Amino acid sequence: MKECPPDRIQIAREILNYLSGRPDGEDTLEGIMRHRLPEKPTGRQTALVKEVVADLVTQGRIERILKEDRARLRVRPRR
């Protein structure tokens, strides 16, 4: 597993906390972006959040599920 810079770690924590705090524990990538980014994000900000989400999926911290024909992300249940 690759090391994350501090800003990426903070973003990952915010995403995990956000998903954990949702009533159903999940949201779309677009919903995460709306929550995490300012009203008019830069391309770099958008790319960074997408990269962190991809890292969290790769690490097994969150998972992609298909629900109502839409990809959703949720915190992966602990076993």
C-alpha atoms as a PDB file:
ATOM      1  CA  MET A   1       0.000   0.000   0.000  1.00  0.00           C
ATOM      2  CA  LYS A   2       1.416   3.364  -0.979  1.00  0.00           C
ATOM      3  CA  GLU A   3       1.867   6.193   1.501  1.00  0.00           C
ATOM      4  CA  CYS A   4      -0.542   9.108   1.278  1.00  0.00           C
ATOM      5  CA  PRO A   5       0.461  12.744   1.737  1.00  0.00           C
ATOM      6  CA  PRO A   6      -1.191  14.459   4.736  1.00  0.00           C
ATOM      7  CA  ASP A   7      -3.806  16.287   2.646  1.00  0.00           C
ATOM      8  CA  ARG A   8      -4.882  13.009   1.043  1.00  0.00           C
ATOM      9  CA  ILE A   9      -5.144  11.395   4.479  1.00  0.00           C
ATOM     10  CA  GLN A  10      -7.390  14.231   5.668  1.00  0.00           C
ATOM     11  CA  ILE A  11      -9.598  13.937   2.578  1.00  0.00           C
ATOM     12  CA  ALA A  12      -9.845  10.165   3.084  1.00  0.00           C
ATOM     13  CA  ARG A  13     -10.892  10.654   6.718  1.00  0.00           C
ATOM     14  CA  GLU A  14     -13.521  13.206   5.696  1.00  0.00           C
ATOM     15  CA  ILE A  15     -14.944  10.857   3.062  1.00  0.00           C
ATOM     16  CA  LEU A  16     -15.059   7.920   5.493  1.00  0.00           C
ATOM     17  CA  ASN A  17     -16.709  10.076   8.179  1.00  0.00           C
ATOM     18  CA  TYR A  18     -19.190  11.450   5.651  1.00  0.00           C
ATOM     19  CA  LEU A  19     -20.216   8.002   4.425  1.00  0.00           C
ATOM     20  CA  SER A  20     -20.384   6.610   7.974  1.00  0.00           C
ATOM     21  CA  GLY A  21     -22.665   9.451   9.019  1.00  0.00           C
ATOM     22  CA  ARG A  22     -25.176   9.013   6.205  1.00  0.00           C
ATOM     23  CA  PRO A  23     -28.457   7.298   7.137  1.00  0.00           C
ATOM     24  CA  ASP A  24     -27.885   4.504   4.615  1.00  0.00           C
ATOM     25  CA  GLY A  25     -24.088   4.697   4.859  1.00  0.00           C
ATOM     26  CA  GLU A  26     -23.605   5.273   1.157  1.00  0.00           C
ATOM     27  CA  ASP A  27     -23.605   7.884  -1.586  1.00  0.00           C
ATOM     28  CA  THR A  28     -22.627   8.372  -5.205  1.00  0.00           C
ATOM     29  CA  LEU A  29     -19.290   9.803  -6.258  1.00  0.00           C
ATOM     30  CA  GLU A  30     -21.178  12.940  -7.285  1.00  0.00           C
ATOM     31  CA  GLY A  31     -22.697  13.235  -3.806  1.00  0.00           C
ATOM     32  CA  ILE A  32     -19.292  12.872  -2.202  1.00  0.00           C
ATOM     33  CA  MET A  33     -17.937  15.556  -4.532  1.00  0.00           C
ATOM     34  CA  ARG A  34     -20.771  17.953  -3.643  1.00  0.00           C
ATOM     35  CA  HIS A  35     -20.122  17.392   0.056  1.00  0.00           C
ATOM     36  CA  ARG A  36     -16.330  17.603  -0.104  1.00  0.00           C
ATOM     37  CA  LEU A  37     -15.674  20.336  -2.688  1.00  0.00           C
ATOM     38  CA  PRO A  38     -16.463  24.052  -2.832  1.00  0.00           C
ATOM     39  CA  GLU A  39     -19.207  25.261  -5.147  1.00  0.00           C
ATOM     40  CA  LYS A  40     -16.797  25.793  -8.053  1.00  0.00           C
ATOM     41  CA  PRO A  41     -13.941  23.342  -7.582  1.00  0.00           C
ATOM     42  CA  THR A  42     -10.783  23.401  -9.641  1.00  0.00           C
ATOM     43  CA  GLY A  43      -9.932  20.480 -11.854  1.00  0.00           C
ATOM     44  CA  ARG A  44      -7.143  19.542  -9.468  1.00  0.00           C
ATOM     45  CA  GLN A  45      -9.505  19.456  -6.466  1.00  0.00           C
ATOM     46  CA  THR A  46     -11.942  17.218  -8.359  1.00  0.00           C
ATOM     47  CA  ALA A  47      -9.142  14.916  -9.536  1.00  0.00           C
ATOM     48  CA  LEU A  48      -7.723  14.648  -6.009  1.00  0.00           C
ATOM     49  CA  VAL A  49     -11.053  13.547  -4.510  1.00  0.00           C
ATOM     50  CA  LYS A  50     -11.502  10.973  -7.292  1.00  0.00           C
ATOM     51  CA  GLU A  51      -7.983   9.673  -6.658  1.00  0.00           C
ATOM     52  CA  VAL A  52      -8.602   9.380  -2.909  1.00  0.00           C
ATOM     53  CA  VAL A  53     -11.889   7.534  -3.512  1.00  0.00           C
ATOM     54  CA  ALA A  54     -10.079   5.144  -5.870  1.00  0.00           C
ATOM     55  CA  ASP A  55      -7.370   4.612  -3.231  1.00  0.00           C
ATOM     56  CA  LEU A  56     -10.007   3.847  -0.573  1.00  0.00           C
ATOM     57  CA  VAL A  57     -11.621   1.278  -2.887  1.00  0.00           C
ATOM     58  CA  THR A  58      -8.234  -0.309  -3.651  1.00  0.00           C
ATOM     59  CA  GLN A  59      -7.423  -0.460   0.070  1.00  0.00           C
ATOM     60  CA  GLY A  60     -10.779  -2.127   0.773  1.00  0.00           C
ATOM     61  CA  ARG A  61     -11.946   0.702   3.050  1.00  0.00           C
ATOM     62  CA  ILE A  62     -14.969   1.475   0.853  1.00  0.00           C
ATOM     63  CA  GLU A  63     -16.717  -0.552  -1.815  1.00  0.00           C
ATOM     64  CA  ARG A  64     -18.645   0.181  -4.977  1.00  0.00           C
ATOM     65  CA  ILE A  65     -22.124  -1.299  -5.172  1.00  0.00           C
ATOM     66  CA  LEU A  66     -24.752  -1.078  -7.879  1.00  0.00           C
ATOM     67  CA  LYS A  67     -28.075   0.165  -6.570  1.00  0.00           C
ATOM     68  CA  GLU A  68     -30.977   1.282  -8.728  1.00  0.00           C
ATOM     69  CA  ASP A  69     -28.657   1.189 -11.767  1.00  0.00           C
ATOM     70  CA  ARG A  70     -26.249   3.671 -10.146  1.00  0.00           C
ATOM     71  CA  ALA A  71     -22.819   3.068  -8.740  1.00  0.00           C
ATOM     72  CA  ARG A  72     -22.757   3.941  -5.069  1.00  0.00           C
ATOM     73  CA  LEU A  73     -19.930   3.921  -2.552  1.00  0.00           C
ATOM     74  CA  ARG A  74     -20.145   2.773   1.031  1.00  0.00           C
ATOM     75  CA  VAL A  75     -17.852   2.003   3.912  1.00  0.00           C
ATOM     76  CA  ARG A  76     -16.943  -1.634   3.654  1.00  0.00           C
ATOM     77  CA  PRO A  77     -18.372  -3.633   6.548  1.00  0.00           C
ATOM     78  CA  ARG A  78     -15.751  -5.024   8.916  1.00  0.00           C
ATOM     79  CA  ARG A  79     -15.560  -8.780   9.192  1.00  0.00           C
END
